[in-house]
Protein backbone atom coordinates (compact mmCIF):
# COMPACT_ATOMS: atom_id res chain seq x y z
CA MET A 1 35.39 -69.36 -35.22
CA ALA A 2 32.52 -69.27 -32.87
CA GLU A 3 29.23 -68.01 -33.92
CA MET A 4 28.40 -64.56 -32.41
CA VAL A 5 25.07 -64.60 -31.21
CA ALA A 6 24.01 -60.90 -30.97
CA GLU A 7 21.85 -60.04 -27.76
CA ALA A 8 18.74 -58.72 -28.33
CA ALA A 9 18.27 -55.01 -27.69
CA PRO A 10 16.52 -53.99 -24.27
CA ALA A 11 13.18 -52.98 -24.90
CA ALA A 12 12.40 -49.71 -24.93
CA ARG A 13 10.54 -48.40 -21.57
CA ALA A 14 7.36 -47.15 -22.60
CA LYS A 15 6.59 -43.68 -21.50
CA THR A 16 3.52 -42.71 -19.28
CA PRO A 17 1.50 -40.32 -21.48
CA MET A 18 1.10 -36.65 -20.19
CA PRO A 19 -2.59 -36.05 -19.03
CA GLN A 20 -4.27 -33.82 -21.23
CA THR A 21 -7.78 -33.62 -20.08
CA PRO A 22 -8.66 -31.59 -16.68
CA GLU A 23 -9.99 -34.61 -15.29
CA GLU A 24 -6.67 -36.46 -16.03
CA LYS A 25 -4.64 -33.56 -14.64
CA ILE A 26 -6.36 -33.61 -11.60
CA ALA A 27 -6.40 -37.20 -10.95
CA HIS A 28 -2.29 -36.71 -11.95
CA ALA A 29 -2.07 -33.88 -9.09
CA GLU A 30 -4.02 -36.07 -6.56
CA GLY A 31 -1.47 -39.09 -7.21
CA LEU A 32 1.33 -36.35 -6.57
CA LYS A 33 -0.35 -35.25 -3.24
CA ALA A 34 -0.79 -39.30 -2.24
CA ALA A 35 3.24 -39.90 -2.94
CA GLY A 36 4.09 -36.38 -1.28
CA ASN A 37 2.51 -37.72 1.95
CA GLU A 38 4.07 -41.05 1.55
CA PHE A 39 7.31 -39.26 1.54
CA PHE A 40 6.60 -37.18 4.32
CA LYS A 41 5.44 -40.00 6.30
CA GLY A 42 8.98 -41.89 5.63
CA GLY A 43 10.81 -38.53 6.59
CA GLU A 44 12.05 -37.59 3.15
CA TRP A 45 10.88 -34.52 3.01
CA SER A 46 12.58 -33.32 0.16
CA LYS A 47 11.18 -36.05 -1.90
CA ALA A 48 8.02 -34.53 -0.45
CA CYS A 49 8.46 -31.37 -1.39
CA GLN A 50 9.37 -32.22 -5.15
CA GLN A 51 5.84 -33.82 -5.08
CA TYR A 52 3.79 -31.29 -3.58
CA THR A 53 5.84 -28.45 -6.22
CA ARG A 54 4.67 -30.32 -9.11
CA ILE A 55 1.38 -30.11 -8.43
CA PHE A 56 1.24 -26.62 -9.22
CA ALA A 57 2.36 -27.54 -13.22
CA PHE A 58 -0.76 -29.62 -13.40
CA VAL A 59 -3.39 -27.26 -11.73
CA ASN A 60 -2.25 -23.82 -12.25
CA GLY A 61 -4.41 -21.89 -14.62
CA LEU A 62 -6.86 -24.91 -15.49
CA ASP A 63 -9.57 -23.31 -14.99
CA THR A 64 -10.61 -20.08 -17.25
CA ASP A 65 -12.10 -18.10 -14.48
CA ASP A 66 -8.70 -19.05 -12.03
CA LEU A 67 -6.36 -17.76 -14.96
CA MET A 68 -8.17 -14.85 -15.98
CA ALA A 69 -7.79 -13.86 -12.11
CA GLU A 70 -4.18 -14.47 -12.04
CA MET A 71 -3.24 -13.01 -15.63
CA PRO A 72 -5.91 -9.92 -16.00
CA HIS A 73 -3.96 -8.69 -19.28
CA ILE A 74 -5.30 -11.83 -21.09
CA ALA A 75 -8.86 -11.07 -20.38
CA ALA A 76 -8.07 -7.26 -20.97
CA MET A 77 -7.13 -8.76 -24.64
CA GLY A 78 -10.06 -10.98 -25.29
CA GLY A 79 -8.91 -13.97 -24.55
CA GLY A 80 -5.90 -16.44 -25.45
CA ALA A 81 -5.91 -18.56 -22.06
CA GLN A 82 -5.44 -21.76 -22.04
CA GLY A 83 -7.95 -22.71 -19.03
CA GLN A 84 -11.14 -24.67 -19.97
CA GLU A 85 -14.79 -24.18 -17.94
CA LEU A 86 -14.88 -26.51 -15.20
CA SER A 87 -17.74 -28.35 -13.22
CA ASP A 88 -18.28 -27.22 -9.85
CA GLN A 89 -16.93 -29.83 -8.04
CA MET A 90 -13.93 -30.12 -10.46
CA LYS A 91 -13.04 -26.65 -8.97
CA ASP A 92 -13.60 -27.80 -5.62
CA ARG A 93 -10.78 -29.99 -6.35
CA VAL A 94 -8.52 -28.12 -7.84
CA TRP A 95 -8.99 -25.53 -5.27
CA GLU A 96 -8.26 -27.82 -2.40
CA LEU A 97 -5.24 -29.38 -4.06
CA LYS A 98 -3.99 -25.97 -4.22
CA LEU A 99 -4.34 -25.16 -0.70
CA SER A 100 -3.08 -28.66 0.51
CA ALA A 101 -0.15 -28.22 -1.66
CA ASN A 102 0.69 -24.85 0.25
CA ALA A 103 0.19 -26.24 3.09
CA ASN A 104 1.88 -29.33 2.88
CA LEU A 105 4.95 -27.18 1.46
CA ALA A 106 4.93 -25.19 4.62
CA MET A 107 5.05 -28.14 6.58
CA ALA A 108 7.79 -29.95 4.85
CA PHE A 109 9.79 -26.75 4.70
CA LEU A 110 9.42 -26.47 8.71
CA LYS A 111 10.68 -30.07 9.09
CA ARG A 112 13.78 -29.02 6.82
CA GLU A 113 14.11 -26.03 8.86
CA LYS A 114 14.02 -23.31 5.95
CA TYR A 115 11.60 -20.83 7.16
CA ALA A 116 11.58 -18.30 4.80
CA LYS A 117 9.56 -21.07 2.44
CA VAL A 118 7.47 -22.02 5.33
CA LEU A 119 6.25 -18.16 5.69
CA MET A 120 5.89 -18.28 1.87
CA PHE A 121 3.64 -21.20 1.37
CA ALA A 122 2.22 -20.86 4.80
CA THR A 123 1.09 -17.38 3.67
CA ARG A 124 -0.12 -18.40 0.21
CA ALA A 125 -2.24 -21.00 2.04
CA LEU A 126 -3.86 -18.38 4.26
CA ASP A 127 -3.93 -16.24 1.55
CA MET A 128 -7.14 -18.82 0.30
CA ASP A 129 -7.99 -19.71 3.65
CA PRO A 130 -7.52 -17.14 6.18
CA ASN A 131 -8.95 -19.70 8.87
CA HIS A 132 -6.68 -22.83 7.71
CA VAL A 133 -5.18 -23.26 11.44
CA LYS A 134 -1.98 -25.74 10.45
CA SER A 135 -0.84 -23.17 8.20
CA ILE A 136 -1.35 -20.45 10.47
CA PHE A 137 0.53 -22.52 13.36
CA ARG A 138 3.17 -22.95 10.70
CA ARG A 139 3.56 -19.65 10.17
CA ALA A 140 3.59 -19.00 13.69
CA GLN A 141 6.43 -21.62 14.26
CA ALA A 142 8.84 -20.27 11.82
CA GLN A 143 8.28 -16.63 13.19
CA LEU A 144 9.31 -17.47 16.45
CA ARG A 145 12.22 -19.55 14.99
CA LEU A 146 13.08 -16.25 12.60
CA GLY A 147 12.87 -14.17 15.45
CA ASP A 148 9.69 -12.24 15.22
CA LEU A 149 8.27 -12.81 18.33
CA ASP A 150 5.19 -10.64 17.90
CA GLY A 151 4.28 -12.10 14.80
CA ALA A 152 4.27 -15.59 16.50
CA LYS A 153 2.29 -14.64 19.18
CA ALA A 154 -0.42 -13.39 16.84
CA GLY A 155 -0.08 -16.66 15.46
CA PHE A 156 -0.40 -18.91 18.42
CA ASP A 157 -3.15 -16.70 19.73
CA ARG A 158 -5.12 -16.98 16.60
CA VAL A 159 -4.42 -20.68 17.31
CA ALA A 160 -5.95 -20.76 20.63
CA GLU A 161 -8.99 -19.38 19.63
CA LEU A 162 -9.58 -21.40 16.40
CA ASP A 163 -8.29 -24.73 18.23
CA PRO A 164 -7.84 -24.71 21.84
CA GLU A 165 -7.46 -28.61 21.78
CA ASN A 166 -4.22 -27.99 19.41
CA LYS A 167 -1.82 -30.57 21.85
CA ALA A 168 1.32 -28.88 20.12
CA LEU A 169 0.63 -25.63 20.88
CA PRO A 170 1.74 -25.40 24.72
CA LYS A 171 4.99 -26.28 23.88
CA GLU A 172 5.58 -23.56 21.29
CA ARG A 173 3.90 -20.90 23.78
CA ARG A 174 6.50 -21.83 26.44
CA ARG A 175 9.12 -21.24 24.17
CA LEU A 176 8.01 -18.30 22.92
CA ARG A 177 7.75 -17.06 26.74
CA GLU A 178 11.28 -18.30 27.33
CA MET A 179 12.16 -16.35 23.99
CA LEU A 180 10.32 -13.33 25.46
CA LYS A 181 11.96 -13.31 28.52
CA ARG A 182 15.55 -13.39 27.20
CA HIS A 183 14.82 -10.67 24.60
CA ASN A 184 13.37 -8.60 27.45
CA GLU A 185 16.33 -9.18 29.46
CA LYS A 186 18.91 -8.37 26.88
CA GLU A 187 16.83 -5.11 26.50
CA LYS A 188 16.89 -4.38 29.90
CA ARG A 189 20.55 -4.86 29.97
CA LYS A 190 21.19 -2.43 27.14
CA TYR A 191 19.21 0.44 28.45
CA GLN A 192 20.92 0.19 31.61
CA ARG A 193 24.77 0.28 29.84
CA ILE A 194 22.81 3.26 27.73
CA PHE A 195 21.85 5.33 30.97
CA GLY A 196 24.02 3.97 33.75
CA GLY A 197 26.71 5.71 31.16
CA ALA A 198 25.12 8.72 30.58
CA LYS A 199 24.89 8.70 34.69
CA SER A 200 28.30 8.11 35.13
CA GLU A 201 29.66 11.02 33.05
CA ALA A 202 26.93 13.25 34.41
CA ASN A 203 28.55 12.55 37.87
CA GLY A 204 32.00 13.01 36.19
CA ASP A 205 31.23 16.45 34.59
CA ALA A 206 29.31 17.38 38.20
CA GLU A 207 32.47 17.00 40.44
CA GLY A 208 35.09 18.15 37.89
CA GLU A 209 32.79 21.84 37.91
CA THR A 210 32.67 21.57 41.79
CA ASN A 211 36.52 21.07 41.57
CA ASP A 212 36.88 23.78 39.81
CA GLU A 213 35.27 26.06 41.43
CA ALA A 214 36.85 25.10 44.73
CA ASN A 215 40.57 25.76 42.90
CA ASP A 216 38.92 29.41 41.54
CA GLY A 217 37.37 30.35 44.68
CA GLY A 218 34.17 29.73 42.90
CA VAL A 219 34.65 31.58 40.09
CA PRO A 220 34.46 29.65 37.08
CA GLU A 221 37.60 29.76 34.70
CA THR A 222 37.50 32.29 31.72
CA LYS A 223 39.52 31.53 28.83
CA SER A 224 42.02 34.64 26.99
CA PRO A 225 40.35 36.14 24.19
CA SER A 226 41.76 34.88 20.66
């Protein structure tokens, strides 16, 4: 009998250790952002969203002050937070990661035509930086597509103030004007039907009263008492 030769078992794939220190977590989150950007450039918007979303798992609650602000009940109880004191530079990196993650998620969901999520993430970015032009613009684009024409106009007007050279703005404003025109025409037709019908009914009632008076010698008809 031929000697059986045992095949060597494949070596177990080494697991990448999870980041532990604040510096490691921030660096890992920055790597996720870079990966998300590459997926976005390649048109893989769903994968980009996955990378951007994972950033929060590594930076949320990383700083003690940040965690206490997010969960004030912990501060009232006198501790229990897992955050750590960070240097000012590290705090800036965490803040920038959160802002860019929210803004980039709004951008990616806009590509995926998931406008409610665009509103959510763009608004989160604007809560951090009210003058973040890209988030104002993306939120206004989502509002326009969801039919919030007043919100879209306010957003586009704000973008025009902050970034008058924005090349995409004129196209979106033209789209807004077209939608406003259609909306106004629709409203006009609706009111014409309402008031036109009321006018026709009033004319019909007037003609009926005239005929009754003519038939009865000008004396209105009196019903018999019950």
